[in-house]
Amino acid sequence: MMGGGAWVMLLLWMLLLGLVVAAVVWAVRVSDVRASSGTSHDRPRTPSPREELDLRLARGEVSPEEYETIRALLGS
């Protein structure tokens, strides 16, 4: 059968293989987190002041007179 040294060598190779697999899994997870958290197209776009004013008028939060006054202040 196999001697004691052969078992130790087999154990070390299995340990090395396990470390390589763990490193690959870690690298894939880190790259997925970075890819999903850092992109600007994933975040919703903030409306411009004019768009926000238009929405407020549509929701009835400001009257048409207030809308025209605020729009003039915004310069658009």
PDB file of N, CA and C in Angstrom:
ATOM      1  N   MET A   1       0.831  -1.181   0.000  1.00  0.00           N
ATOM      2  CA  MET A   1       0.000   0.000   0.000  1.00  0.00           C
ATOM      3  C   MET A   1       0.880   1.251   0.000  1.00  0.00           C
ATOM      4  N   MET A   2       0.220   2.386   0.218  1.00  0.00           N
ATOM      5  CA  MET A   2       0.938   3.661   0.186  1.00  0.00           C
ATOM      6  C   MET A   2       1.602   3.927   1.532  1.00  0.00           C
ATOM      7  N   GLY A   3       2.758   4.555   1.486  1.00  0.00           N
ATOM      8  CA  GLY A   3       3.459   4.896   2.714  1.00  0.00           C
ATOM      9  C   GLY A   3       2.885   6.168   3.322  1.00  0.00           C
ATOM     10  N   GLY A   4       3.342   6.543   4.492  1.00  0.00           N
ATOM     11  CA  GLY A   4       2.851   7.726   5.190  1.00  0.00           C
ATOM     12  C   GLY A   4       3.131   9.010   4.446  1.00  0.00           C
ATOM     13  N   GLY A   5       4.272   9.080   3.752  1.00  0.00           N
ATOM     14  CA  GLY A   5       4.627  10.275   3.008  1.00  0.00           C
ATOM     15  C   GLY A   5       3.686  10.541   1.839  1.00  0.00           C
ATOM     16  N   ALA A   6       3.209   9.477   1.220  1.00  0.00           N
ATOM     17  CA  ALA A   6       2.292   9.625   0.091  1.00  0.00           C
ATOM     18  C   ALA A   6       0.966  10.235   0.550  1.00  0.00           C
ATOM     19  N   TRP A   7       0.494   9.841   1.721  1.00  0.00           N
ATOM     20  CA  TRP A   7      -0.760  10.408   2.256  1.00  0.00           C
ATOM     21  C   TRP A   7      -0.607  11.896   2.548  1.00  0.00           C
ATOM     22  N   VAL A   8       0.537  12.259   3.084  1.00  0.00           N
ATOM     23  CA  VAL A   8       0.792  13.667   3.379  1.00  0.00           C
ATOM     24  C   VAL A   8       0.839  14.478   2.089  1.00  0.00           C
ATOM     25  N   MET A   9       1.497  13.917   1.061  1.00  0.00           N
ATOM     26  CA  MET A   9       1.572  14.599  -0.225  1.00  0.00           C
ATOM     27  C   MET A   9       0.180  14.749  -0.842  1.00  0.00           C
ATOM     28  N   LEU A  10      -0.640  13.733  -0.780  1.00  0.00           N
ATOM     29  CA  LEU A  10      -2.008  13.790  -1.293  1.00  0.00           C
ATOM     30  C   LEU A  10      -2.813  14.841  -0.538  1.00  0.00           C
ATOM     31  N   LEU A  11      -2.670  14.890   0.751  1.00  0.00           N
ATOM     32  CA  LEU A  11      -3.368  15.880   1.572  1.00  0.00           C
ATOM     33  C   LEU A  11      -2.941  17.301   1.218  1.00  0.00           C
ATOM     34  N   LEU A  12      -1.644  17.506   1.000  1.00  0.00           N
ATOM     35  CA  LEU A  12      -1.154  18.832   0.629  1.00  0.00           C
ATOM     36  C   LEU A  12      -1.676  19.262  -0.737  1.00  0.00           C
ATOM     37  N   TRP A  13      -1.719  18.341  -1.707  1.00  0.00           N
ATOM     38  CA  TRP A  13      -2.261  18.677  -3.017  1.00  0.00           C
ATOM     39  C   TRP A  13      -3.747  19.022  -2.934  1.00  0.00           C
ATOM     40  N   MET A  14      -4.482  18.312  -2.119  1.00  0.00           N
ATOM     41  CA  MET A  14      -5.917  18.605  -1.949  1.00  0.00           C
ATOM     42  C   MET A  14      -6.110  19.961  -1.273  1.00  0.00           C
ATOM     43  N   LEU A  15      -5.250  20.278  -0.318  1.00  0.00           N
ATOM     44  CA  LEU A  15      -5.301  21.577   0.340  1.00  0.00           C
ATOM     45  C   LEU A  15      -4.993  22.695  -0.649  1.00  0.00           C
ATOM     46  N   LEU A  16      -3.981  22.496  -1.478  1.00  0.00           N
ATOM     47  CA  LEU A  16      -3.634  23.489  -2.497  1.00  0.00           C
ATOM     48  C   LEU A  16      -4.779  23.681  -3.485  1.00  0.00           C
ATOM     49  N   LEU A  17      -5.390  22.617  -3.927  1.00  0.00           N
ATOM     50  CA  LEU A  17      -6.522  22.706  -4.842  1.00  0.00           C
ATOM     51  C   LEU A  17      -7.688  23.448  -4.185  1.00  0.00           C
ATOM     52  N   GLY A  18      -7.942  23.184  -2.941  1.00  0.00           N
ATOM     53  CA  GLY A  18      -9.002  23.885  -2.216  1.00  0.00           C
ATOM     54  C   GLY A  18      -8.739  25.379  -2.101  1.00  0.00           C
ATOM     55  N   LEU A  19      -7.472  25.750  -1.871  1.00  0.00           N
ATOM     56  CA  LEU A  19      -7.114  27.165  -1.798  1.00  0.00           C
ATOM     57  C   LEU A  19      -7.307  27.862  -3.142  1.00  0.00           C
ATOM     58  N   VAL A  20      -6.942  27.181  -4.225  1.00  0.00           N
ATOM     59  CA  VAL A  20      -7.116  27.757  -5.557  1.00  0.00           C
ATOM     60  C   VAL A  20      -8.610  27.955  -5.853  1.00  0.00           C
ATOM     61  N   VAL A  21      -9.421  26.977  -5.553  1.00  0.00           N
ATOM     62  CA  VAL A  21     -10.866  27.099  -5.775  1.00  0.00           C
ATOM     63  C   VAL A  21     -11.443  28.234  -4.930  1.00  0.00           C
ATOM     64  N   ALA A  22     -11.038  28.329  -3.677  1.00  0.00           N
ATOM     65  CA  ALA A  22     -11.526  29.405  -2.812  1.00  0.00           C
ATOM     66  C   ALA A  22     -11.117  30.773  -3.336  1.00  0.00           C
ATOM     67  N   ALA A  23      -9.907  30.899  -3.862  1.00  0.00           N
ATOM     68  CA  ALA A  23      -9.447  32.172  -4.408  1.00  0.00           C
ATOM     69  C   ALA A  23     -10.256  32.567  -5.640  1.00  0.00           C
ATOM     70  N   VAL A  24     -10.563  31.601  -6.499  1.00  0.00           N
ATOM     71  CA  VAL A  24     -11.367  31.891  -7.691  1.00  0.00           C
ATOM     72  C   VAL A  24     -12.771  32.320  -7.297  1.00  0.00           C
ATOM     73  N   VAL A  25     -13.379  31.625  -6.364  1.00  0.00           N
ATOM     74  CA  VAL A  25     -14.732  31.984  -5.903  1.00  0.00           C
ATOM     75  C   VAL A  25     -14.720  33.384  -5.302  1.00  0.00           C
ATOM     76  N   TRP A  26     -13.743  33.689  -4.491  1.00  0.00           N
ATOM     77  CA  TRP A  26     -13.641  35.017  -3.884  1.00  0.00           C
ATOM     78  C   TRP A  26     -13.497  36.094  -4.953  1.00  0.00           C
ATOM     79  N   ALA A  27     -12.632  35.855  -5.954  1.00  0.00           N
ATOM     80  CA  ALA A  27     -12.409  36.841  -7.010  1.00  0.00           C
ATOM     81  C   ALA A  27     -13.678  37.094  -7.819  1.00  0.00           C
ATOM     82  N   VAL A  28     -14.434  36.054  -8.096  1.00  0.00           N
ATOM     83  CA  VAL A  28     -15.680  36.219  -8.845  1.00  0.00           C
ATOM     84  C   VAL A  28     -16.692  37.017  -8.037  1.00  0.00           C
ATOM     85  N   ARG A  29     -16.811  36.738  -6.766  1.00  0.00           N
ATOM     86  CA  ARG A  29     -17.761  37.477  -5.921  1.00  0.00           C
ATOM     87  C   ARG A  29     -17.378  38.943  -5.797  1.00  0.00           C
ATOM     88  N   VAL A  30     -16.103  39.237  -5.641  1.00  0.00           N
ATOM     89  CA  VAL A  30     -15.648  40.617  -5.520  1.00  0.00           C
ATOM     90  C   VAL A  30     -15.911  41.373  -6.815  1.00  0.00           C
ATOM     91  N   SER A  31     -15.639  40.754  -7.947  1.00  0.00           N
ATOM     92  CA  SER A  31     -15.872  41.436  -9.220  1.00  0.00           C
ATOM     93  C   SER A  31     -17.360  41.660  -9.459  1.00  0.00           C
ATOM     94  N   ASP A  32     -18.239  40.751  -9.028  1.00  0.00           N
ATOM     95  CA  ASP A  32     -19.680  40.941  -9.172  1.00  0.00           C
ATOM     96  C   ASP A  32     -20.166  42.098  -8.320  1.00  0.00           C
ATOM     97  N   VAL A  33     -19.654  42.224  -7.105  1.00  0.00           N
ATOM     98  CA  VAL A  33     -20.060  43.315  -6.221  1.00  0.00           C
ATOM     99  C   VAL A  33     -19.610  44.652  -6.795  1.00  0.00           C
ATOM    100  N   ARG A  34     -18.390  44.721  -7.285  1.00  0.00           N
ATOM    101  CA  ARG A  34     -17.880  45.967  -7.863  1.00  0.00           C
ATOM    102  C   ARG A  34     -18.633  46.333  -9.129  1.00  0.00           C
ATOM    103  N   ALA A  35     -18.951  45.361  -9.944  1.00  0.00           N
ATOM    104  CA  ALA A  35     -19.647  45.635 -11.201  1.00  0.00           C
ATOM    105  C   ALA A  35     -21.065  46.139 -10.945  1.00  0.00           C
ATOM    106  N   SER A  36     -21.719  45.629  -9.929  1.00  0.00           N
ATOM    107  CA  SER A  36     -23.104  46.024  -9.697  1.00  0.00           C
ATOM    108  C   SER A  36     -23.235  47.288  -8.860  1.00  0.00           C
ATOM    109  N   SER A  37     -22.217  47.671  -8.127  1.00  0.00           N
ATOM    110  CA  SER A  37     -22.358  48.831  -7.254  1.00  0.00           C
ATOM    111  C   SER A  37     -21.799  50.112  -7.829  1.00  0.00           C
ATOM    112  N   GLY A  38     -20.945  50.039  -8.809  1.00  0.00           N
ATOM    113  CA  GLY A  38     -20.264  51.241  -9.264  1.00  0.00           C
ATOM    114  C   GLY A  38     -20.756  51.839 -10.555  1.00  0.00           C
ATOM    115  N   THR A  39     -21.749  51.273 -11.185  1.00  0.00           N
ATOM    116  CA  THR A  39     -22.167  51.799 -12.472  1.00  0.00           C
ATOM    117  C   THR A  39     -23.215  52.876 -12.302  1.00  0.00           C
ATOM    118  N   SER A  40     -23.096  53.896 -13.125  1.00  0.00           N
ATOM    119  CA  SER A  40     -24.040  55.007 -13.018  1.00  0.00           C
ATOM    120  C   SER A  40     -25.366  54.709 -13.685  1.00  0.00           C
ATOM    121  N   HIS A  41     -25.400  53.798 -14.674  1.00  0.00           N
ATOM    122  CA  HIS A  41     -26.650  53.525 -15.357  1.00  0.00           C
ATOM    123  C   HIS A  41     -27.598  52.687 -14.519  1.00  0.00           C
ATOM    124  N   ASP A  42     -27.141  52.129 -13.406  1.00  0.00           N
ATOM    125  CA  ASP A  42     -28.015  51.370 -12.526  1.00  0.00           C
ATOM    126  C   ASP A  42     -28.812  52.277 -11.602  1.00  0.00           C
ATOM    127  N   ARG A  43     -28.290  53.463 -11.356  1.00  0.00           N
ATOM    128  CA  ARG A  43     -28.966  54.387 -10.447  1.00  0.00           C
ATOM    129  C   ARG A  43     -30.014  55.194 -11.194  1.00  0.00           C
ATOM    130  N   PRO A  44     -31.144  55.472 -10.530  1.00  0.00           N
ATOM    131  CA  PRO A  44     -32.152  56.288 -11.203  1.00  0.00           C
ATOM    132  C   PRO A  44     -31.652  57.710 -11.403  1.00  0.00           C
ATOM    133  N   ARG A  45     -32.057  58.321 -12.505  1.00  0.00           N
ATOM    134  CA  ARG A  45     -31.632  59.676 -12.826  1.00  0.00           C
ATOM    135  C   ARG A  45     -32.434  60.660 -11.999  1.00  0.00           C
ATOM    136  N   THR A  46     -31.761  61.666 -11.466  1.00  0.00           N
ATOM    137  CA  THR A  46     -32.423  62.719 -10.700  1.00  0.00           C
ATOM    138  C   THR A  46     -33.021  63.724 -11.676  1.00  0.00           C
ATOM    139  N   PRO A  47     -34.309  64.060 -11.510  1.00  0.00           N
ATOM    140  CA  PRO A  47     -34.913  65.013 -12.437  1.00  0.00           C
ATOM    141  C   PRO A  47     -34.315  66.408 -12.276  1.00  0.00           C
ATOM    142  N   SER A  48     -34.285  67.141 -13.380  1.00  0.00           N
ATOM    143  CA  SER A  48     -33.782  68.508 -13.344  1.00  0.00           C
ATOM    144  C   SER A  48     -34.793  69.387 -12.590  1.00  0.00           C
ATOM    145  N   PRO A  49     -34.387  70.581 -12.176  1.00  0.00           N
ATOM    146  CA  PRO A  49     -35.338  71.471 -11.495  1.00  0.00           C
ATOM    147  C   PRO A  49     -36.574  71.756 -12.348  1.00  0.00           C
ATOM    148  N   ARG A  50     -36.390  71.918 -13.651  1.00  0.00           N
ATOM    149  CA  ARG A  50     -37.538  72.172 -14.534  1.00  0.00           C
ATOM    150  C   ARG A  50     -38.463  70.956 -14.583  1.00  0.00           C
ATOM    151  N   GLU A  51     -37.894  69.778 -14.670  1.00  0.00           N
ATOM    152  CA  GLU A  51     -38.715  68.557 -14.682  1.00  0.00           C
ATOM    153  C   GLU A  51     -39.461  68.394 -13.360  1.00  0.00           C
ATOM    154  N   GLU A  52     -38.793  68.710 -12.280  1.00  0.00           N
ATOM    155  CA  GLU A  52     -39.439  68.627 -10.967  1.00  0.00           C
ATOM    156  C   GLU A  52     -40.588  69.627 -10.873  1.00  0.00           C
ATOM    157  N   LEU A  53     -40.379  70.816 -11.404  1.00  0.00           N
ATOM    158  CA  LEU A  53     -41.435  71.831 -11.410  1.00  0.00           C
ATOM    159  C   LEU A  53     -42.617  71.365 -12.255  1.00  0.00           C
ATOM    160  N   ASP A  54     -42.336  70.778 -13.411  1.00  0.00           N
ATOM    161  CA  ASP A  54     -43.406  70.248 -14.255  1.00  0.00           C
ATOM    162  C   ASP A  54     -44.204  69.174 -13.525  1.00  0.00           C
ATOM    163  N   LEU A  55     -43.505  68.312 -12.803  1.00  0.00           N
ATOM    164  CA  LEU A  55     -44.184  67.261 -12.041  1.00  0.00           C
ATOM    165  C   LEU A  55     -45.057  67.856 -10.931  1.00  0.00           C
ATOM    166  N   ARG A  56     -44.540  68.887 -10.263  1.00  0.00           N
ATOM    167  CA  ARG A  56     -45.321  69.534  -9.199  1.00  0.00           C
ATOM    168  C   ARG A  56     -46.593  70.163  -9.760  1.00  0.00           C
ATOM    169  N   LEU A  57     -46.505  70.758 -10.949  1.00  0.00           N
ATOM    170  CA  LEU A  57     -47.695  71.319 -11.589  1.00  0.00           C
ATOM    171  C   LEU A  57     -48.672  70.208 -11.948  1.00  0.00           C
ATOM    172  N   ALA A  58     -48.168  69.112 -12.489  1.00  0.00           N
ATOM    173  CA  ALA A  58     -49.026  67.992 -12.866  1.00  0.00           C
ATOM    174  C   ALA A  58     -49.715  67.372 -11.663  1.00  0.00           C
ATOM    175  N   ARG A  59     -49.048  67.352 -10.520  1.00  0.00           N
ATOM    176  CA  ARG A  59     -49.651  66.791  -9.303  1.00  0.00           C
ATOM    177  C   ARG A  59     -50.568  67.789  -8.603  1.00  0.00           C
ATOM    178  N   GLY A  60     -50.585  69.022  -9.068  1.00  0.00           N
ATOM    179  CA  GLY A  60     -51.439  70.036  -8.456  1.00  0.00           C
ATOM    180  C   GLY A  60     -50.842  70.679  -7.221  1.00  0.00           C
ATOM    181  N   GLU A  61     -49.539  70.545  -7.028  1.00  0.00           N
ATOM    182  CA  GLU A  61     -48.887  71.118  -5.854  1.00  0.00           C
ATOM    183  C   GLU A  61     -48.654  72.612  -6.010  1.00  0.00           C
ATOM    184  N   VAL A  62     -48.592  73.105  -7.240  1.00  0.00           N
ATOM    185  CA  VAL A  62     -48.443  74.537  -7.490  1.00  0.00           C
ATOM    186  C   VAL A  62     -49.506  74.956  -8.500  1.00  0.00           C
ATOM    187  N   SER A  63     -49.935  76.188  -8.395  1.00  0.00           N
ATOM    188  CA  SER A  63     -50.914  76.720  -9.347  1.00  0.00           C
ATOM    189  C   SER A  63     -50.190  77.119 -10.631  1.00  0.00           C
ATOM    190  N   PRO A  64     -50.932  77.316 -11.712  1.00  0.00           N
ATOM    191  CA  PRO A  64     -50.282  77.755 -12.950  1.00  0.00           C
ATOM    192  C   PRO A  64     -49.543  79.090 -12.788  1.00  0.00           C
ATOM    193  N   GLU A  65     -50.063  79.974 -11.952  1.00  0.00           N
ATOM    194  CA  GLU A  65     -49.387  81.253 -11.721  1.00  0.00           C
ATOM    195  C   GLU A  65     -48.052  81.033 -10.992  1.00  0.00           C
ATOM    196  N   GLU A  66     -48.081  80.197  -9.961  1.00  0.00           N
ATOM    197  CA  GLU A  66     -46.842  79.878  -9.242  1.00  0.00           C
ATOM    198  C   GLU A  66     -45.845  79.191 -10.176  1.00  0.00           C
ATOM    199  N   TYR A  67     -46.369  78.327 -11.033  1.00  0.00           N
ATOM    200  CA  TYR A  67     -45.518  77.613 -11.992  1.00  0.00           C
ATOM    201  C   TYR A  67     -44.779  78.607 -12.885  1.00  0.00           C
ATOM    202  N   GLU A  68     -45.511  79.579 -13.426  1.00  0.00           N
ATOM    203  CA  GLU A  68     -44.891  80.551 -14.335  1.00  0.00           C
ATOM    204  C   GLU A  68     -43.853  81.400 -13.590  1.00  0.00           C
ATOM    205  N   THR A  69     -44.160  81.768 -12.332  1.00  0.00           N
ATOM    206  CA  THR A  69     -43.220  82.567 -11.538  1.00  0.00           C
ATOM    207  C   THR A  69     -41.933  81.783 -11.266  1.00  0.00           C
ATOM    208  N   ILE A  70     -42.088  80.558 -10.855  1.00  0.00           N
ATOM    209  CA  ILE A  70     -40.911  79.732 -10.538  1.00  0.00           C
ATOM    210  C   ILE A  70     -40.121  79.424 -11.801  1.00  0.00           C
ATOM    211  N   ARG A  71     -40.816  79.168 -12.904  1.00  0.00           N
ATOM    212  CA  ARG A  71     -40.134  78.890 -14.166  1.00  0.00           C
ATOM    213  C   ARG A  71     -39.300  80.089 -14.630  1.00  0.00           C
ATOM    214  N   ALA A  72     -39.854  81.279 -14.404  1.00  0.00           N
ATOM    215  CA  ALA A  72     -39.106  82.492 -14.766  1.00  0.00           C
ATOM    216  C   ALA A  72     -37.852  82.617 -13.884  1.00  0.00           C
ATOM    217  N   LEU A  73     -37.993  82.257 -12.607  1.00  0.00           N
ATOM    218  CA  LEU A  73     -36.831  82.311 -11.713  1.00  0.00           C
ATOM    219  C   LEU A  73     -35.761  81.290 -12.118  1.00  0.00           C
ATOM    220  N   LEU A  74     -36.209  80.155 -12.633  1.00  0.00           N
ATOM    221  CA  LEU A  74     -35.259  79.151 -13.063  1.00  0.00           C
ATOM    222  C   LEU A  74     -34.572  79.529 -14.361  1.00  0.00           C
ATOM    223  N   GLY A  75     -35.167  80.434 -15.096  1.00  0.00           N
ATOM    224  CA  GLY A  75     -34.557  80.902 -16.327  1.00  0.00           C
ATOM    225  C   GLY A  75     -34.820  80.010 -17.514  1.00  0.00           C
ATOM    226  N   SER A  76     -35.936  79.303 -17.483  1.00  0.00           N
ATOM    227  CA  SER A  76     -36.225  78.449 -18.640  1.00  0.00           C
ATOM    228  C   SER A  76     -37.609  78.681 -19.188  1.00  0.00           C
TER     229      SER A  76
END
